[in-house]
Structures are given as structure tokens and as C-alpha cells.
Amino acid sequence: MPTPSAPEVPIRDDVIRLGQFLKLAGIADSGADARALLDDGAVTVNGEPEDRRGRQLVRGDVVAVSLPQGVESAVVG
């Protein structure tokens, strides 16, 4: 679930695809990195596991990624 410290990452449009958001939030360096995180089962959206890079996100969605250094979260803004 969201943590109070999860930064809000503003988006231009009303929706953004999960793969694009991971790059915009600085969690993934490239589309290939985003795909690898999704394939590894490291990504949740609003607390639910997600493996679709094309998943449509809207403002308020919370994305969390389990990384070796800990969980990194961001809120779609």
C-alpha cells in the first residue's frame, strides 16, 4: 500500500502506460529494464501484482517495485 514518502510523479495526459511510468519515475532506465521488473514479478499497482507493461494508470494509482535495495514507490500525479 502507499507509503507517506511515495513521491507523486506528474503526468501530462489523463492516463499513462505502466512501462512509461516506470521510466518517468526513474525506477527503470529503459523499456527493457521495465520489462525485466515486470517479468520478475517485482511490480505492484495499488497493492496488486502487475505484469503488463501496457497497463493503463490514472492519477492516484500507486506503483511499488521491489528492488534489491528495497521497495521504491511512486504515485501517479
PDB file of N, CA and C in Angstrom:
ATOM      1  N   MET A   1       0.840  -1.187   0.000  1.00  0.00           N
ATOM      2  CA  MET A   1       0.000   0.000   0.000  1.00  0.00           C
ATOM      3  C   MET A   1       0.880   1.244   0.000  1.00  0.00           C
ATOM      4  N   PRO A   2       0.320   2.399  -0.258  1.00  0.00           N
ATOM      5  CA  PRO A   2       1.131   3.607  -0.367  1.00  0.00           C
ATOM      6  C   PRO A   2       1.816   3.961   0.945  1.00  0.00           C
ATOM      7  N   THR A   3       2.992   4.488   0.785  1.00  0.00           N
ATOM      8  CA  THR A   3       3.705   4.993   1.943  1.00  0.00           C
ATOM      9  C   THR A   3       3.658   6.505   1.893  1.00  0.00           C
ATOM     10  N   PRO A   4       3.680   7.161   3.053  1.00  0.00           N
ATOM     11  CA  PRO A   4       3.613   8.615   3.050  1.00  0.00           C
ATOM     12  C   PRO A   4       4.755   9.261   2.275  1.00  0.00           C
ATOM     13  N   SER A   5       5.860   8.532   2.128  1.00  0.00           N
ATOM     14  CA  SER A   5       7.025   9.105   1.455  1.00  0.00           C
ATOM     15  C   SER A   5       7.036   8.863  -0.052  1.00  0.00           C
ATOM     16  N   ALA A   6       6.018   8.172  -0.587  1.00  0.00           N
ATOM     17  CA  ALA A   6       5.989   7.898  -2.018  1.00  0.00           C
ATOM     18  C   ALA A   6       5.808   9.208  -2.776  1.00  0.00           C
ATOM     19  N   PRO A   7       6.765   9.545  -3.632  1.00  0.00           N
ATOM     20  CA  PRO A   7       6.649  10.811  -4.375  1.00  0.00           C
ATOM     21  C   PRO A   7       5.554  10.747  -5.433  1.00  0.00           C
ATOM     22  N   GLU A   8       4.956  11.881  -5.695  1.00  0.00           N
ATOM     23  CA  GLU A   8       3.970  11.978  -6.765  1.00  0.00           C
ATOM     24  C   GLU A   8       4.703  12.380  -8.036  1.00  0.00           C
ATOM     25  N   VAL A   9       4.505  11.614  -9.092  1.00  0.00           N
ATOM     26  CA  VAL A   9       5.147  11.880 -10.370  1.00  0.00           C
ATOM     27  C   VAL A   9       4.087  12.399 -11.331  1.00  0.00           C
ATOM     28  N   PRO A  10       4.181  13.684 -11.717  1.00  0.00           N
ATOM     29  CA  PRO A  10       3.146  14.250 -12.583  1.00  0.00           C
ATOM     30  C   PRO A  10       3.178  13.666 -13.996  1.00  0.00           C
ATOM     31  N   ILE A  11       1.992  13.491 -14.567  1.00  0.00           N
ATOM     32  CA  ILE A  11       1.882  13.029 -15.958  1.00  0.00           C
ATOM     33  C   ILE A  11       1.156  14.110 -16.753  1.00  0.00           C
ATOM     34  N   ARG A  12       1.409  14.134 -18.071  1.00  0.00           N
ATOM     35  CA  ARG A  12       0.814  15.161 -18.938  1.00  0.00           C
ATOM     36  C   ARG A  12      -0.632  14.869 -19.276  1.00  0.00           C
ATOM     37  N   ASP A  13      -0.929  13.612 -19.567  1.00  0.00           N
ATOM     38  CA  ASP A  13      -2.265  13.243 -20.023  1.00  0.00           C
ATOM     39  C   ASP A  13      -3.060  12.636 -18.865  1.00  0.00           C
ATOM     40  N   ASP A  14      -4.257  12.150 -19.159  1.00  0.00           N
ATOM     41  CA  ASP A  14      -5.095  11.559 -18.122  1.00  0.00           C
ATOM     42  C   ASP A  14      -4.647  10.152 -17.746  1.00  0.00           C
ATOM     43  N   VAL A  15      -3.983   9.465 -18.667  1.00  0.00           N
ATOM     44  CA  VAL A  15      -3.504   8.102 -18.410  1.00  0.00           C
ATOM     45  C   VAL A  15      -2.073   7.975 -18.907  1.00  0.00           C
ATOM     46  N   ILE A  16      -1.384   6.960 -18.374  1.00  0.00           N
ATOM     47  CA  ILE A  16      -0.033   6.635 -18.827  1.00  0.00           C
ATOM     48  C   ILE A  16       0.137   5.127 -18.701  1.00  0.00           C
ATOM     49  N   ARG A  17       0.899   4.551 -19.602  1.00  0.00           N
ATOM     50  CA  ARG A  17       1.154   3.106 -19.536  1.00  0.00           C
ATOM     51  C   ARG A  17       2.207   2.832 -18.457  1.00  0.00           C
ATOM     52  N   LEU A  18       2.082   1.675 -17.826  1.00  0.00           N
ATOM     53  CA  LEU A  18       2.949   1.315 -16.710  1.00  0.00           C
ATOM     54  C   LEU A  18       4.424   1.361 -17.098  1.00  0.00           C
ATOM     55  N   GLY A  19       4.778   0.821 -18.254  1.00  0.00           N
ATOM     56  CA  GLY A  19       6.181   0.831 -18.685  1.00  0.00           C
ATOM     57  C   GLY A  19       6.723   2.247 -18.805  1.00  0.00           C
ATOM     58  N   GLN A  20       5.910   3.151 -19.360  1.00  0.00           N
ATOM     59  CA  GLN A  20       6.325   4.549 -19.493  1.00  0.00           C
ATOM     60  C   GLN A  20       6.461   5.199 -18.119  1.00  0.00           C
ATOM     61  N   PHE A  21       5.534   4.884 -17.215  1.00  0.00           N
ATOM     62  CA  PHE A  21       5.578   5.486 -15.885  1.00  0.00           C
ATOM     63  C   PHE A  21       6.816   5.038 -15.117  1.00  0.00           C
ATOM     64  N   LEU A  22       7.189   3.772 -15.241  1.00  0.00           N
ATOM     65  CA  LEU A  22       8.387   3.287 -14.544  1.00  0.00           C
ATOM     66  C   LEU A  22       9.620   4.066 -14.983  1.00  0.00           C
ATOM     67  N   LYS A  23       9.690   4.395 -16.274  1.00  0.00           N
ATOM     68  CA  LYS A  23      10.814   5.201 -16.774  1.00  0.00           C
ATOM     69  C   LYS A  23      10.696   6.640 -16.298  1.00  0.00           C
ATOM     70  N   LEU A  24       9.503   7.232 -16.385  1.00  0.00           N
ATOM     71  CA  LEU A  24       9.294   8.619 -15.972  1.00  0.00           C
ATOM     72  C   LEU A  24       9.625   8.816 -14.489  1.00  0.00           C
ATOM     73  N   ALA A  25       9.276   7.836 -13.670  1.00  0.00           N
ATOM     74  CA  ALA A  25       9.518   7.923 -12.229  1.00  0.00           C
ATOM     75  C   ALA A  25      10.981   7.646 -11.869  1.00  0.00           C
ATOM     76  N   GLY A  26      11.778   7.221 -12.863  1.00  0.00           N
ATOM     77  CA  GLY A  26      13.184   6.932 -12.602  1.00  0.00           C
ATOM     78  C   GLY A  26      13.423   5.582 -11.956  1.00  0.00           C
ATOM     79  N   ILE A  27      12.412   4.728 -11.968  1.00  0.00           N
ATOM     80  CA  ILE A  27      12.550   3.390 -11.383  1.00  0.00           C
ATOM     81  C   ILE A  27      13.209   2.441 -12.374  1.00  0.00           C
ATOM     82  N   ALA A  28      12.912   2.617 -13.664  1.00  0.00           N
ATOM     83  CA  ALA A  28      13.526   1.821 -14.738  1.00  0.00           C
ATOM     84  C   ALA A  28      14.265   2.771 -15.667  1.00  0.00           C
ATOM     85  N   ASP A  29      15.453   2.357 -16.105  1.00  0.00           N
ATOM     86  CA  ASP A  29      16.249   3.195 -17.003  1.00  0.00           C
ATOM     87  C   ASP A  29      15.788   3.108 -18.451  1.00  0.00           C
ATOM     88  N   SER A  30      15.154   1.992 -18.812  1.00  0.00           N
ATOM     89  CA  SER A  30      14.748   1.786 -20.202  1.00  0.00           C
ATOM     90  C   SER A  30      13.517   0.888 -20.242  1.00  0.00           C
ATOM     91  N   GLY A  31      12.957   0.752 -21.423  1.00  0.00           N
ATOM     92  CA  GLY A  31      11.837  -0.158 -21.598  1.00  0.00           C
ATOM     93  C   GLY A  31      12.217  -1.593 -21.282  1.00  0.00           C
ATOM     94  N   ALA A  32      13.455  -1.972 -21.615  1.00  0.00           N
ATOM     95  CA  ALA A  32      13.926  -3.326 -21.318  1.00  0.00           C
ATOM     96  C   ALA A  32      14.019  -3.544 -19.809  1.00  0.00           C
ATOM     97  N   ASP A  33      14.456  -2.522 -19.084  1.00  0.00           N
ATOM     98  CA  ASP A  33      14.518  -2.622 -17.623  1.00  0.00           C
ATOM     99  C   ASP A  33      13.113  -2.760 -17.040  1.00  0.00           C
ATOM    100  N   ALA A  34      12.166  -1.980 -17.571  1.00  0.00           N
ATOM    101  CA  ALA A  34      10.784  -2.064 -17.106  1.00  0.00           C
ATOM    102  C   ALA A  34      10.229  -3.464 -17.349  1.00  0.00           C
ATOM    103  N   ARG A  35      10.471  -4.010 -18.539  1.00  0.00           N
ATOM    104  CA  ARG A  35      10.000  -5.355 -18.870  1.00  0.00           C
ATOM    105  C   ARG A  35      10.592  -6.389 -17.912  1.00  0.00           C
ATOM    106  N   ALA A  36      11.879  -6.261 -17.604  1.00  0.00           N
ATOM    107  CA  ALA A  36      12.537  -7.211 -16.696  1.00  0.00           C
ATOM    108  C   ALA A  36      11.909  -7.150 -15.302  1.00  0.00           C
ATOM    109  N   LEU A  37      11.625  -5.950 -14.812  1.00  0.00           N
ATOM    110  CA  LEU A  37      10.988  -5.809 -13.497  1.00  0.00           C
ATOM    111  C   LEU A  37       9.610  -6.470 -13.501  1.00  0.00           C
ATOM    112  N   LEU A  38       8.849  -6.262 -14.570  1.00  0.00           N
ATOM    113  CA  LEU A  38       7.519  -6.854 -14.678  1.00  0.00           C
ATOM    114  C   LEU A  38       7.602  -8.371 -14.790  1.00  0.00           C
ATOM    115  N   ASP A  39       8.553  -8.872 -15.577  1.00  0.00           N
ATOM    116  CA  ASP A  39       8.730 -10.315 -15.743  1.00  0.00           C
ATOM    117  C   ASP A  39       9.140 -10.985 -14.438  1.00  0.00           C
ATOM    118  N   ASP A  40       9.890 -10.252 -13.597  1.00  0.00           N
ATOM    119  CA  ASP A  40      10.355 -10.789 -12.315  1.00  0.00           C
ATOM    120  C   ASP A  40       9.267 -10.764 -11.242  1.00  0.00           C
ATOM    121  N   GLY A  41       8.111 -10.169 -11.549  1.00  0.00           N
ATOM    122  CA  GLY A  41       7.042 -10.085 -10.567  1.00  0.00           C
ATOM    123  C   GLY A  41       7.322  -9.072  -9.473  1.00  0.00           C
ATOM    124  N   ALA A  42       8.156  -8.074  -9.778  1.00  0.00           N
ATOM    125  CA  ALA A  42       8.579  -7.099  -8.778  1.00  0.00           C
ATOM    126  C   ALA A  42       7.644  -5.899  -8.664  1.00  0.00           C
ATOM    127  N   VAL A  43       6.628  -5.799  -9.545  1.00  0.00           N
ATOM    128  CA  VAL A  43       5.813  -4.586  -9.627  1.00  0.00           C
ATOM    129  C   VAL A  43       4.397  -4.839  -9.105  1.00  0.00           C
ATOM    130  N   THR A  44       3.912  -3.902  -8.282  1.00  0.00           N
ATOM    131  CA  THR A  44       2.514  -3.914  -7.883  1.00  0.00           C
ATOM    132  C   THR A  44       1.898  -2.561  -8.219  1.00  0.00           C
ATOM    133  N   VAL A  45       0.608  -2.575  -8.521  1.00  0.00           N
ATOM    134  CA  VAL A  45      -0.169  -1.354  -8.742  1.00  0.00           C
ATOM    135  C   VAL A  45      -1.317  -1.390  -7.741  1.00  0.00           C
ATOM    136  N   ASN A  46      -1.360  -0.394  -6.889  1.00  0.00           N
ATOM    137  CA  ASN A  46      -2.391  -0.330  -5.838  1.00  0.00           C
ATOM    138  C   ASN A  46      -2.414  -1.612  -5.001  1.00  0.00           C
ATOM    139  N   GLY A  47      -1.230  -2.169  -4.760  1.00  0.00           N
ATOM    140  CA  GLY A  47      -1.104  -3.348  -3.916  1.00  0.00           C
ATOM    141  C   GLY A  47      -1.338  -4.677  -4.605  1.00  0.00           C
ATOM    142  N   GLU A  48      -1.688  -4.653  -5.886  1.00  0.00           N
ATOM    143  CA  GLU A  48      -1.952  -5.883  -6.644  1.00  0.00           C
ATOM    144  C   GLU A  48      -0.798  -6.158  -7.602  1.00  0.00           C
ATOM    145  N   PRO A  49      -0.320  -7.408  -7.676  1.00  0.00           N
ATOM    146  CA  PRO A  49       0.760  -7.732  -8.617  1.00  0.00           C
ATOM    147  C   PRO A  49       0.363  -7.386 -10.054  1.00  0.00           C
ATOM    148  N   GLU A  50       1.317  -6.870 -10.811  1.00  0.00           N
ATOM    149  CA  GLU A  50       1.048  -6.485 -12.203  1.00  0.00           C
ATOM    150  C   GLU A  50       2.223  -6.892 -13.072  1.00  0.00           C
ATOM    151  N   ASP A  51       1.922  -7.489 -14.241  1.00  0.00           N
ATOM    152  CA  ASP A  51       2.994  -7.890 -15.155  1.00  0.00           C
ATOM    153  C   ASP A  51       2.782  -7.364 -16.571  1.00  0.00           C
ATOM    154  N   ARG A  52       1.801  -6.476 -16.741  1.00  0.00           N
ATOM    155  CA  ARG A  52       1.520  -5.932 -18.077  1.00  0.00           C
ATOM    156  C   ARG A  52       2.140  -4.551 -18.226  1.00  0.00           C
ATOM    157  N   ARG A  53       3.099  -4.444 -19.125  1.00  0.00           N
ATOM    158  CA  ARG A  53       3.770  -3.158 -19.350  1.00  0.00           C
ATOM    159  C   ARG A  53       2.795  -2.112 -19.877  1.00  0.00           C
ATOM    160  N   GLY A  54       1.748  -2.552 -20.594  1.00  0.00           N
ATOM    161  CA  GLY A  54       0.778  -1.638 -21.172  1.00  0.00           C
ATOM    162  C   GLY A  54      -0.376  -1.272 -20.255  1.00  0.00           C
ATOM    163  N   ARG A  55      -0.346  -1.731 -19.016  1.00  0.00           N
ATOM    164  CA  ARG A  55      -1.418  -1.406 -18.052  1.00  0.00           C
ATOM    165  C   ARG A  55      -1.611   0.101 -17.992  1.00  0.00           C
ATOM    166  N   GLN A  56      -2.852   0.549 -18.130  1.00  0.00           N
ATOM    167  CA  GLN A  56      -3.169   1.971 -18.086  1.00  0.00           C
ATOM    168  C   GLN A  56      -3.245   2.430 -16.632  1.00  0.00           C
ATOM    169  N   LEU A  57      -2.483   3.451 -16.297  1.00  0.00           N
ATOM    170  CA  LEU A  57      -2.505   4.036 -14.963  1.00  0.00           C
ATOM    171  C   LEU A  57      -3.202   5.383 -15.023  1.00  0.00           C
ATOM    172  N   VAL A  58      -3.886   5.728 -13.950  1.00  0.00           N
ATOM    173  CA  VAL A  58      -4.533   7.030 -13.830  1.00  0.00           C
ATOM    174  C   VAL A  58      -4.018   7.721 -12.575  1.00  0.00           C
ATOM    175  N   ARG A  59      -4.294   9.000 -12.473  1.00  0.00           N
ATOM    176  CA  ARG A  59      -3.839   9.758 -11.308  1.00  0.00           C
ATOM    177  C   ARG A  59      -4.329   9.109 -10.014  1.00  0.00           C
ATOM    178  N   GLY A  60      -3.428   9.027  -9.053  1.00  0.00           N
ATOM    179  CA  GLY A  60      -3.756   8.419  -7.769  1.00  0.00           C
ATOM    180  C   GLY A  60      -3.312   6.976  -7.649  1.00  0.00           C
ATOM    181  N   ASP A  61      -3.026   6.306  -8.780  1.00  0.00           N
ATOM    182  CA  ASP A  61      -2.521   4.940  -8.707  1.00  0.00           C
ATOM    183  C   ASP A  61      -1.156   4.933  -8.029  1.00  0.00           C
ATOM    184  N   VAL A  62      -0.906   3.908  -7.219  1.00  0.00           N
ATOM    185  CA  VAL A  62       0.369   3.771  -6.520  1.00  0.00           C
ATOM    186  C   VAL A  62       1.112   2.578  -7.108  1.00  0.00           C
ATOM    187  N   VAL A  63       2.310   2.840  -7.604  1.00  0.00           N
ATOM    188  CA  VAL A  63       3.154   1.804  -8.184  1.00  0.00           C
ATOM    189  C   VAL A  63       4.302   1.537  -7.213  1.00  0.00           C
ATOM    190  N   ALA A  64       4.507   0.273  -6.869  1.00  0.00           N
ATOM    191  CA  ALA A  64       5.604  -0.111  -5.988  1.00  0.00           C
ATOM    192  C   ALA A  64       6.424  -1.188  -6.684  1.00  0.00           C
ATOM    193  N   VAL A  65       7.744  -1.085  -6.552  1.00  0.00           N
ATOM    194  CA  VAL A  65       8.652  -2.038  -7.184  1.00  0.00           C
ATOM    195  C   VAL A  65       9.625  -2.551  -6.136  1.00  0.00           C
ATOM    196  N   SER A  66       9.712  -3.872  -6.006  1.00  0.00           N
ATOM    197  CA  SER A  66      10.660  -4.488  -5.085  1.00  0.00           C
ATOM    198  C   SER A  66      12.016  -4.571  -5.776  1.00  0.00           C
ATOM    199  N   LEU A  67      12.975  -3.828  -5.258  1.00  0.00           N
ATOM    200  CA  LEU A  67      14.330  -3.799  -5.789  1.00  0.00           C
ATOM    201  C   LEU A  67      15.283  -4.385  -4.751  1.00  0.00           C
ATOM    202  N   PRO A  68      16.502  -4.774  -5.156  1.00  0.00           N
ATOM    203  CA  PRO A  68      17.448  -5.308  -4.173  1.00  0.00           C
ATOM    204  C   PRO A  68      17.694  -4.363  -2.994  1.00  0.00           C
ATOM    205  N   GLN A  69      17.654  -3.064  -3.235  1.00  0.00           N
ATOM    206  CA  GLN A  69      17.912  -2.090  -2.170  1.00  0.00           C
ATOM    207  C   GLN A  69      16.648  -1.745  -1.365  1.00  0.00           C
ATOM    208  N   GLY A  70      15.510  -2.340  -1.718  1.00  0.00           N
ATOM    209  CA  GLY A  70      14.264  -2.087  -1.003  1.00  0.00           C
ATOM    210  C   GLY A  70      13.142  -1.773  -1.962  1.00  0.00           C
ATOM    211  N   VAL A  71      11.996  -1.436  -1.420  1.00  0.00           N
ATOM    212  CA  VAL A  71      10.823  -1.126  -2.239  1.00  0.00           C
ATOM    213  C   VAL A  71      10.841   0.351  -2.599  1.00  0.00           C
ATOM    214  N   GLU A  72      10.655   0.627  -3.883  1.00  0.00           N
ATOM    215  CA  GLU A  72      10.552   2.005  -4.364  1.00  0.00           C
ATOM    216  C   GLU A  72       9.127   2.211  -4.855  1.00  0.00           C
ATOM    217  N   SER A  73       8.498   3.287  -4.370  1.00  0.00           N
ATOM    218  CA  SER A  73       7.109   3.564  -4.717  1.00  0.00           C
ATOM    219  C   SER A  73       6.989   4.948  -5.352  1.00  0.00           C
ATOM    220  N   ALA A  74       5.943   5.101  -6.152  1.00  0.00           N
ATOM    221  CA  ALA A  74       5.624   6.402  -6.742  1.00  0.00           C
ATOM    222  C   ALA A  74       4.125   6.452  -6.988  1.00  0.00           C
ATOM    223  N   VAL A  75       3.568   7.646  -6.877  1.00  0.00           N
ATOM    224  CA  VAL A  75       2.149   7.881  -7.095  1.00  0.00           C
ATOM    225  C   VAL A  75       1.976   8.615  -8.421  1.00  0.00           C
ATOM    226  N   VAL A  76       1.034   8.143  -9.233  1.00  0.00           N
ATOM    227  CA  VAL A  76       0.736   8.815 -10.490  1.00  0.00           C
ATOM    228  C   VAL A  76       0.049  10.147 -10.155  1.00  0.00           C
ATOM    229  N   GLY A  77       0.625  11.256 -10.658  1.00  0.00           N
ATOM    230  CA  GLY A  77       0.089  12.570 -10.304  1.00  0.00           C
ATOM    231  C   GLY A  77      -0.493  13.324 -11.440  1.00  0.00           C
TER     232      GLY A  77
END
